[in-house]
């Protein structure tokens, strides 16, 4: 017999509620993009914990070559054509 506040869950699911979350992966979206010189593209950073759940990343420090990028992930392409990476 169980009461309304007792649940039976798998050990793997219980572990998600016991262990502190740890940032394990940062996904940048879009992963790749083609833009014209002197145009802008906004990038987003999404963090995932050890269980694949979304987690706060904290402040992201962006850097790039071939243009400028703001602290909010807005990339401004330079005037020359070419490749750039974040």
PDB file of N, CA and C in Angstrom:
ATOM      1  N   UNK A   1       0.844  -1.171   0.000  1.00  0.00           N
ATOM      2  CA  UNK A   1       0.000   0.000   0.000  1.00  0.00           C
ATOM      3  C   UNK A   1       0.892   1.239   0.000  1.00  0.00           C
ATOM      4  N   UNK A   2       0.545   2.219  -0.823  1.00  0.00           N
ATOM      5  CA  UNK A   2       1.275   3.482  -0.874  1.00  0.00           C
ATOM      6  C   UNK A   2       0.317   4.629  -0.646  1.00  0.00           C
ATOM      7  N   UNK A   3       0.885   5.751  -0.231  1.00  0.00           N
ATOM      8  CA  UNK A   3       0.058   6.947  -0.051  1.00  0.00           C
ATOM      9  C   UNK A   3       0.265   7.867  -1.252  1.00  0.00           C
ATOM     10  N   UNK A   4      -0.452   8.967  -1.289  1.00  0.00           N
ATOM     11  CA  UNK A   4      -0.367   9.892  -2.415  1.00  0.00           C
ATOM     12  C   UNK A   4       0.992  10.564  -2.550  1.00  0.00           C
ATOM     13  N   UNK A   5       1.795  10.607  -1.494  1.00  0.00           N
ATOM     14  CA  UNK A   5       3.083  11.284  -1.562  1.00  0.00           C
ATOM     15  C   UNK A   5       4.267  10.316  -1.651  1.00  0.00           C
ATOM     16  N   UNK A   6       4.036   9.072  -1.995  1.00  0.00           N
ATOM     17  CA  UNK A   6       5.095   8.088  -2.163  1.00  0.00           C
ATOM     18  C   UNK A   6       5.105   7.636  -3.625  1.00  0.00           C
ATOM     19  N   UNK A   7       6.294   7.671  -4.223  1.00  0.00           N
ATOM     20  CA  UNK A   7       6.428   7.285  -5.621  1.00  0.00           C
ATOM     21  C   UNK A   7       7.550   6.272  -5.754  1.00  0.00           C
ATOM     22  N   UNK A   8       7.413   5.367  -6.673  1.00  0.00           N
ATOM     23  CA  UNK A   8       8.475   4.420  -6.993  1.00  0.00           C
ATOM     24  C   UNK A   8       9.042   4.838  -8.335  1.00  0.00           C
ATOM     25  N   UNK A   9      10.366   5.146  -8.339  1.00  0.00           N
ATOM     26  CA  UNK A   9      11.016   5.555  -9.582  1.00  0.00           C
ATOM     27  C   UNK A   9      12.303   4.756  -9.752  1.00  0.00           C
ATOM     28  N   UNK A  10      12.792   4.714 -10.983  1.00  0.00           N
ATOM     29  CA  UNK A  10      14.034   4.006 -11.280  1.00  0.00           C
ATOM     30  C   UNK A  10      15.207   4.744 -10.647  1.00  0.00           C
ATOM     31  N   UNK A  11      16.262   4.011 -10.356  1.00  0.00           N
ATOM     32  CA  UNK A  11      17.458   4.593  -9.744  1.00  0.00           C
ATOM     33  C   UNK A  11      18.040   5.697 -10.620  1.00  0.00           C
ATOM     34  N   UNK A  12      18.045   5.504 -11.940  1.00  0.00           N
ATOM     35  CA  UNK A  12      18.603   6.513 -12.844  1.00  0.00           C
ATOM     36  C   UNK A  12      17.815   7.817 -12.764  1.00  0.00           C
ATOM     37  N   UNK A  13      16.511   7.721 -12.581  1.00  0.00           N
ATOM     38  CA  UNK A  13      15.682   8.923 -12.446  1.00  0.00           C
ATOM     39  C   UNK A  13      15.901   9.564 -11.072  1.00  0.00           C
ATOM     40  N   UNK A  14      16.051   8.768 -10.039  1.00  0.00           N
ATOM     41  CA  UNK A  14      16.296   9.296  -8.690  1.00  0.00           C
ATOM     42  C   UNK A  14      17.626  10.046  -8.644  1.00  0.00           C
ATOM     43  N   UNK A  15      18.621   9.543  -9.360  1.00  0.00           N
ATOM     44  CA  UNK A  15      19.939  10.169  -9.396  1.00  0.00           C
ATOM     45  C   UNK A  15      19.854  11.602  -9.926  1.00  0.00           C
ATOM     46  N   UNK A  16      18.970  11.847 -10.872  1.00  0.00           N
ATOM     47  CA  UNK A  16      18.795  13.190 -11.432  1.00  0.00           C
ATOM     48  C   UNK A  16      18.311  14.180 -10.384  1.00  0.00           C
ATOM     49  N   UNK A  17      17.610  13.697  -9.370  1.00  0.00           N
ATOM     50  CA  UNK A  17      17.068  14.575  -8.344  1.00  0.00           C
ATOM     51  C   UNK A  17      18.005  14.723  -7.148  1.00  0.00           C
ATOM     52  N   UNK A  18      18.986  13.832  -7.026  1.00  0.00           N
ATOM     53  CA  UNK A  18      19.900  13.842  -5.889  1.00  0.00           C
ATOM     54  C   UNK A  18      21.201  14.570  -6.223  1.00  0.00           C
ATOM     55  N   UNK A  19      21.798  14.236  -7.379  1.00  0.00           N
ATOM     56  CA  UNK A  19      23.085  14.821  -7.751  1.00  0.00           C
ATOM     57  C   UNK A  19      22.928  16.298  -8.108  1.00  0.00           C
ATOM     58  N   UNK A  20      23.886  17.120  -7.695  1.00  0.00           N
ATOM     59  CA  UNK A  20      23.865  18.513  -8.138  1.00  0.00           C
ATOM     60  C   UNK A  20      24.116  18.577  -9.646  1.00  0.00           C
ATOM     61  N   UNK A  21      23.466  19.520 -10.309  1.00  0.00           N
ATOM     62  CA  UNK A  21      23.662  19.632 -11.748  1.00  0.00           C
ATOM     63  C   UNK A  21      25.030  20.220 -12.053  1.00  0.00           C
ATOM     64  N   UNK A  22      25.618  19.750 -13.147  1.00  0.00           N
ATOM     65  CA  UNK A  22      26.935  20.187 -13.587  1.00  0.00           C
ATOM     66  C   UNK A  22      26.835  20.528 -15.071  1.00  0.00           C
ATOM     67  N   UNK A  23      27.337  21.694 -15.449  1.00  0.00           N
ATOM     68  CA  UNK A  23      27.363  22.078 -16.852  1.00  0.00           C
ATOM     69  C   UNK A  23      28.331  21.169 -17.593  1.00  0.00           C
ATOM     70  N   UNK A  24      27.831  20.395 -18.553  1.00  0.00           N
ATOM     71  CA  UNK A  24      28.663  19.439 -19.281  1.00  0.00           C
ATOM     72  C   UNK A  24      28.847  19.798 -20.746  1.00  0.00           C
ATOM     73  N   UNK A  25      27.928  20.595 -21.306  1.00  0.00           N
ATOM     74  CA  UNK A  25      28.002  20.882 -22.734  1.00  0.00           C
ATOM     75  C   UNK A  25      27.374  22.239 -23.008  1.00  0.00           C
ATOM     76  N   UNK A  26      27.968  22.970 -23.954  1.00  0.00           N
ATOM     77  CA  UNK A  26      27.382  24.215 -24.438  1.00  0.00           C
ATOM     78  C   UNK A  26      27.147  24.050 -25.929  1.00  0.00           C
ATOM     79  N   UNK A  27      25.913  24.290 -26.328  1.00  0.00           N
ATOM     80  CA  UNK A  27      25.537  24.189 -27.736  1.00  0.00           C
ATOM     81  C   UNK A  27      25.328  25.597 -28.266  1.00  0.00           C
ATOM     82  N   UNK A  28      25.972  25.909 -29.393  1.00  0.00           N
ATOM     83  CA  UNK A  28      25.832  27.210 -30.037  1.00  0.00           C
ATOM     84  C   UNK A  28      24.859  27.063 -31.198  1.00  0.00           C
ATOM     85  N   UNK A  29      23.854  27.943 -31.228  1.00  0.00           N
ATOM     86  CA  UNK A  29      22.875  27.920 -32.318  1.00  0.00           C
ATOM     87  C   UNK A  29      22.819  29.285 -32.968  1.00  0.00           C
ATOM     88  N   UNK A  30      22.820  29.369 -34.285  1.00  0.00           N
ATOM     89  CA  UNK A  30      22.979  28.239 -35.192  1.00  0.00           C
ATOM     90  C   UNK A  30      24.417  27.722 -35.152  1.00  0.00           C
ATOM     91  N   UNK A  31      24.571  26.441 -35.475  1.00  0.00           N
ATOM     92  CA  UNK A  31      25.893  25.810 -35.439  1.00  0.00           C
ATOM     93  C   UNK A  31      26.786  26.351 -36.560  1.00  0.00           C
ATOM     94  N   UNK A  32      26.213  26.646 -37.695  1.00  0.00           N
ATOM     95  CA  UNK A  32      26.954  27.282 -38.789  1.00  0.00           C
ATOM     96  C   UNK A  32      25.973  28.127 -39.587  1.00  0.00           C
ATOM     97  N   UNK A  33      26.508  29.137 -40.232  1.00  0.00           N
ATOM     98  CA  UNK A  33      25.656  30.059 -40.980  1.00  0.00           C
ATOM     99  C   UNK A  33      26.495  30.723 -42.060  1.00  0.00           C
ATOM    100  N   UNK A  34      25.851  31.082 -43.150  1.00  0.00           N
ATOM    101  CA  UNK A  34      26.503  31.871 -44.197  1.00  0.00           C
ATOM    102  C   UNK A  34      25.805  33.216 -44.244  1.00  0.00           C
ATOM    103  N   UNK A  35      26.586  34.272 -44.057  1.00  0.00           N
ATOM    104  CA  UNK A  35      26.029  35.620 -44.128  1.00  0.00           C
ATOM    105  C   UNK A  35      26.909  36.465 -45.033  1.00  0.00           C
ATOM    106  N   UNK A  36      26.354  37.537 -45.521  1.00  0.00           N
ATOM    107  CA  UNK A  36      27.080  38.444 -46.408  1.00  0.00           C
ATOM    108  C   UNK A  36      27.895  39.427 -45.579  1.00  0.00           C
ATOM    109  N   UNK A  37      28.968  39.985 -46.187  1.00  0.00           N
ATOM    110  CA  UNK A  37      29.739  41.013 -45.484  1.00  0.00           C
ATOM    111  C   UNK A  37      28.834  42.150 -45.006  1.00  0.00           C
ATOM    112  N   UNK A  38      29.194  42.719 -43.878  1.00  0.00           N
ATOM    113  CA  UNK A  38      28.498  43.859 -43.260  1.00  0.00           C
ATOM    114  C   UNK A  38      27.061  43.543 -42.839  1.00  0.00           C
ATOM    115  N   UNK A  39      26.759  42.274 -42.595  1.00  0.00           N
ATOM    116  CA  UNK A  39      25.442  41.907 -42.061  1.00  0.00           C
ATOM    117  C   UNK A  39      25.622  41.332 -40.667  1.00  0.00           C
ATOM    118  N   UNK A  40      24.505  41.069 -39.988  1.00  0.00           N
ATOM    119  CA  UNK A  40      24.555  40.596 -38.605  1.00  0.00           C
ATOM    120  C   UNK A  40      23.867  39.245 -38.459  1.00  0.00           C
ATOM    121  N   UNK A  41      24.296  38.511 -37.443  1.00  0.00           N
ATOM    122  CA  UNK A  41      23.689  37.227 -37.086  1.00  0.00           C
ATOM    123  C   UNK A  41      23.753  37.088 -35.566  1.00  0.00           C
ATOM    124  N   UNK A  42      22.641  36.707 -34.965  1.00  0.00           N
ATOM    125  CA  UNK A  42      22.620  36.492 -33.520  1.00  0.00           C
ATOM    126  C   UNK A  42      22.831  35.012 -33.227  1.00  0.00           C
ATOM    127  N   UNK A  43      23.727  34.721 -32.293  1.00  0.00           N
ATOM    128  CA  UNK A  43      24.006  33.367 -31.841  1.00  0.00           C
ATOM    129  C   UNK A  43      23.525  33.206 -30.406  1.00  0.00           C
ATOM    130  N   UNK A  44      23.067  32.012 -30.083  1.00  0.00           N
ATOM    131  CA  UNK A  44      22.611  31.701 -28.735  1.00  0.00           C
ATOM    132  C   UNK A  44      23.434  30.557 -28.167  1.00  0.00           C
ATOM    133  N   UNK A  45      23.716  30.606 -26.881  1.00  0.00           N
ATOM    134  CA  UNK A  45      24.426  29.534 -26.191  1.00  0.00           C
ATOM    135  C   UNK A  45      23.451  28.845 -25.245  1.00  0.00           C
ATOM    136  N   UNK A  46      23.359  27.532 -25.371  1.00  0.00           N
ATOM    137  CA  UNK A  46      22.452  26.741 -24.531  1.00  0.00           C
ATOM    138  C   UNK A  46      23.290  25.725 -23.765  1.00  0.00           C
ATOM    139  N   UNK A  47      23.143  25.688 -22.450  1.00  0.00           N
ATOM    140  CA  UNK A  47      23.893  24.749 -21.630  1.00  0.00           C
ATOM    141  C   UNK A  47      23.092  23.492 -21.347  1.00  0.00           C
ATOM    142  N   UNK A  48      23.797  22.356 -21.264  1.00  0.00           N
ATOM    143  CA  UNK A  48      23.184  21.082 -20.899  1.00  0.00           C
ATOM    144  C   UNK A  48      23.930  20.493 -19.715  1.00  0.00           C
ATOM    145  N   UNK A  49      23.189  19.889 -18.779  1.00  0.00           N
ATOM    146  CA  UNK A  49      23.815  19.246 -17.625  1.00  0.00           C
ATOM    147  C   UNK A  49      24.194  17.802 -17.952  1.00  0.00           C
ATOM    148  N   UNK A  50      24.661  17.088 -16.937  1.00  0.00           N
ATOM    149  CA  UNK A  50      25.134  15.712 -17.131  1.00  0.00           C
ATOM    150  C   UNK A  50      24.021  14.749 -17.532  1.00  0.00           C
ATOM    151  N   UNK A  51      22.779  15.183 -17.421  1.00  0.00           N
ATOM    152  CA  UNK A  51      21.646  14.341 -17.801  1.00  0.00           C
ATOM    153  C   UNK A  51      20.993  14.809 -19.099  1.00  0.00           C
ATOM    154  N   UNK A  52      21.607  15.808 -19.761  1.00  0.00           N
ATOM    155  CA  UNK A  52      21.076  16.314 -21.016  1.00  0.00           C
ATOM    156  C   UNK A  52      19.958  17.327 -20.850  1.00  0.00           C
ATOM    157  N   UNK A  53      19.760  17.796 -19.617  1.00  0.00           N
ATOM    158  CA  UNK A  53      18.725  18.801 -19.355  1.00  0.00           C
ATOM    159  C   UNK A  53      19.316  20.195 -19.508  1.00  0.00           C
ATOM    160  N   UNK A  54      18.496  21.139 -19.947  1.00  0.00           N
ATOM    161  CA  UNK A  54      18.963  22.506 -20.102  1.00  0.00           C
ATOM    162  C   UNK A  54      19.329  23.094 -18.748  1.00  0.00           C
ATOM    163  N   UNK A  55      20.441  23.832 -18.723  1.00  0.00           N
ATOM    164  CA  UNK A  55      20.956  24.426 -17.492  1.00  0.00           C
ATOM    165  C   UNK A  55      21.507  25.811 -17.821  1.00  0.00           C
ATOM    166  N   UNK A  56      21.457  26.706 -16.859  1.00  0.00           N
ATOM    167  CA  UNK A  56      21.982  28.058 -17.031  1.00  0.00           C
ATOM    168  C   UNK A  56      23.484  28.002 -17.283  1.00  0.00           C
ATOM    169  N   UNK A  57      23.959  28.748 -18.272  1.00  0.00           N
ATOM    170  CA  UNK A  57      25.386  28.760 -18.590  1.00  0.00           C
ATOM    171  C   UNK A  57      26.143  29.810 -17.801  1.00  0.00           C
ATOM    172  N   UNK A  58      25.439  30.808 -17.295  1.00  0.00           N
ATOM    173  CA  UNK A  58      26.124  31.947 -16.724  1.00  0.00           C
ATOM    174  C   UNK A  58      26.571  32.846 -17.863  1.00  0.00           C
ATOM    175  N   UNK A  59      27.371  33.867 -17.586  1.00  0.00           N
ATOM    176  CA  UNK A  59      27.813  34.766 -18.654  1.00  0.00           C
ATOM    177  C   UNK A  59      28.653  34.013 -19.693  1.00  0.00           C
ATOM    178  N   UNK A  60      28.399  34.309 -20.960  1.00  0.00           N
ATOM    179  CA  UNK A  60      29.158  33.702 -22.064  1.00  0.00           C
ATOM    180  C   UNK A  60      30.113  34.751 -22.600  1.00  0.00           C
ATOM    181  N   UNK A  61      31.370  34.384 -22.756  1.00  0.00           N
ATOM    182  CA  UNK A  61      32.362  35.298 -23.316  1.00  0.00           C
ATOM    183  C   UNK A  61      32.577  34.903 -24.773  1.00  0.00           C
ATOM    184  N   UNK A  62      32.037  35.696 -25.678  1.00  0.00           N
ATOM    185  CA  UNK A  62      32.124  35.434 -27.103  1.00  0.00           C
ATOM    186  C   UNK A  62      33.402  36.038 -27.672  1.00  0.00           C
ATOM    187  N   UNK A  63      33.975  35.375 -28.665  1.00  0.00           N
ATOM    188  CA  UNK A  63      35.096  35.959 -29.420  1.00  0.00           C
ATOM    189  C   UNK A  63      35.048  35.411 -30.835  1.00  0.00           C
ATOM    190  N   UNK A  64      35.597  36.182 -31.762  1.00  0.00           N
ATOM    191  CA  UNK A  64      35.571  35.799 -33.167  1.00  0.00           C
ATOM    192  C   UNK A  64      36.684  36.499 -33.932  1.00  0.00           C
ATOM    193  N   UNK A  65      36.915  36.026 -35.155  1.00  0.00           N
ATOM    194  CA  UNK A  65      37.796  36.695 -36.113  1.00  0.00           C
ATOM    195  C   UNK A  65      36.946  36.973 -37.339  1.00  0.00           C
ATOM    196  N   UNK A  66      37.235  38.032 -38.059  1.00  0.00           N
ATOM    197  CA  UNK A  66      36.479  38.337 -39.266  1.00  0.00           C
ATOM    198  C   UNK A  66      35.274  39.217 -39.027  1.00  0.00           C
ATOM    199  N   UNK A  67      35.172  39.777 -37.855  1.00  0.00           N
ATOM    200  CA  UNK A  67      34.040  40.641 -37.518  1.00  0.00           C
ATOM    201  C   UNK A  67      34.069  40.939 -36.037  1.00  0.00           C
ATOM    202  N   UNK A  68      32.963  41.429 -35.540  1.00  0.00           N
ATOM    203  CA  UNK A  68      32.827  41.737 -34.114  1.00  0.00           C
ATOM    204  C   UNK A  68      31.628  40.984 -33.564  1.00  0.00           C
ATOM    205  N   UNK A  69      31.678  40.672 -32.268  1.00  0.00           N
ATOM    206  CA  UNK A  69      30.545  40.016 -31.622  1.00  0.00           C
ATOM    207  C   UNK A  69      30.328  40.652 -30.253  1.00  0.00           C
ATOM    208  N   UNK A  70      29.072  40.924 -29.944  1.00  0.00           N
ATOM    209  CA  UNK A  70      28.747  41.572 -28.677  1.00  0.00           C
ATOM    210  C   UNK A  70      28.654  40.530 -27.563  1.00  0.00           C
ATOM    211  N   UNK A  71      28.533  41.007 -26.336  1.00  0.00           N
ATOM    212  CA  UNK A  71      28.373  40.095 -25.196  1.00  0.00           C
ATOM    213  C   UNK A  71      27.042  39.358 -25.251  1.00  0.00           C
ATOM    214  N   UNK A  72      26.116  39.828 -26.098  1.00  0.00           N
ATOM    215  CA  UNK A  72      24.822  39.160 -26.276  1.00  0.00           C
ATOM    216  C   UNK A  72      24.803  38.197 -27.461  1.00  0.00           C
ATOM    217  N   UNK A  73      25.959  37.976 -28.112  1.00  0.00           N
ATOM    218  CA  UNK A  73      26.037  37.018 -29.207  1.00  0.00           C
ATOM    219  C   UNK A  73      25.650  37.549 -30.567  1.00  0.00           C
ATOM    220  N   UNK A  74      25.607  38.878 -30.739  1.00  0.00           N
ATOM    221  CA  UNK A  74      25.278  39.457 -32.042  1.00  0.00           C
ATOM    222  C   UNK A  74      26.578  39.670 -32.813  1.00  0.00           C
ATOM    223  N   UNK A  75      26.743  38.897 -33.888  1.00  0.00           N
ATOM    224  CA  UNK A  75      27.939  38.955 -34.727  1.00  0.00           C
ATOM    225  C   UNK A  75      27.707  39.934 -35.862  1.00  0.00           C
ATOM    226  N   UNK A  76      28.640  40.847 -36.063  1.00  0.00           N
ATOM    227  CA  UNK A  76      28.625  41.781 -37.193  1.00  0.00           C
ATOM    228  C   UNK A  76      29.786  41.411 -38.097  1.00  0.00           C
ATOM    229  N   UNK A  77      29.450  40.951 -39.307  1.00  0.00           N
ATOM    230  CA  UNK A  77      30.493  40.545 -40.249  1.00  0.00           C
ATOM    231  C   UNK A  77      31.264  41.753 -40.729  1.00  0.00           C
ATOM    232  N   UNK A  78      32.542  41.535 -40.979  1.00  0.00           N
ATOM    233  CA  UNK A  78      33.372  42.587 -41.523  1.00  0.00           C
ATOM    234  C   UNK A  78      33.032  42.853 -42.984  1.00  0.00           C
ATOM    235  N   UNK A  79      33.818  43.712 -43.633  1.00  0.00           N
ATOM    236  CA  UNK A  79      33.520  44.064 -45.015  1.00  0.00           C
ATOM    237  C   UNK A  79      34.134  43.109 -46.024  1.00  0.00           C
ATOM    238  N   UNK A  80      35.036  42.230 -45.611  1.00  0.00           N
ATOM    239  CA  UNK A  80      35.684  41.277 -46.515  1.00  0.00           C
ATOM    240  C   UNK A  80      34.976  39.917 -46.469  1.00  0.00           C
ATOM    241  N   UNK A  81      34.921  39.258 -47.642  1.00  0.00           N
ATOM    242  CA  UNK A  81      34.409  37.899 -47.681  1.00  0.00           C
ATOM    243  C   UNK A  81      35.442  36.948 -47.107  1.00  0.00           C
ATOM    244  N   UNK A  82      34.993  35.840 -46.557  1.00  0.00           N
ATOM    245  CA  UNK A  82      35.908  34.850 -46.009  1.00  0.00           C
ATOM    246  C   UNK A  82      35.226  34.026 -44.953  1.00  0.00           C
ATOM    247  N   UNK A  83      36.002  33.249 -44.242  1.00  0.00           N
ATOM    248  CA  UNK A  83      35.474  32.382 -43.176  1.00  0.00           C
ATOM    249  C   UNK A  83      35.792  32.984 -41.826  1.00  0.00           C
ATOM    250  N   UNK A  84      34.911  32.753 -40.891  1.00  0.00           N
ATOM    251  CA  UNK A  84      35.108  33.200 -39.529  1.00  0.00           C
ATOM    252  C   UNK A  84      34.641  32.120 -38.594  1.00  0.00           C
ATOM    253  N   UNK A  85      35.172  32.075 -37.423  1.00  0.00           N
ATOM    254  CA  UNK A  85      34.708  31.098 -36.435  1.00  0.00           C
ATOM    255  C   UNK A  85      34.591  31.787 -35.097  1.00  0.00           C
ATOM    256  N   UNK A  86      33.646  31.245 -34.284  1.00  0.00           N
ATOM    257  CA  UNK A  86      33.440  31.782 -32.938  1.00  0.00           C
ATOM    258  C   UNK A  86      34.374  31.102 -31.986  1.00  0.00           C
TER     259      UNK A  86
END
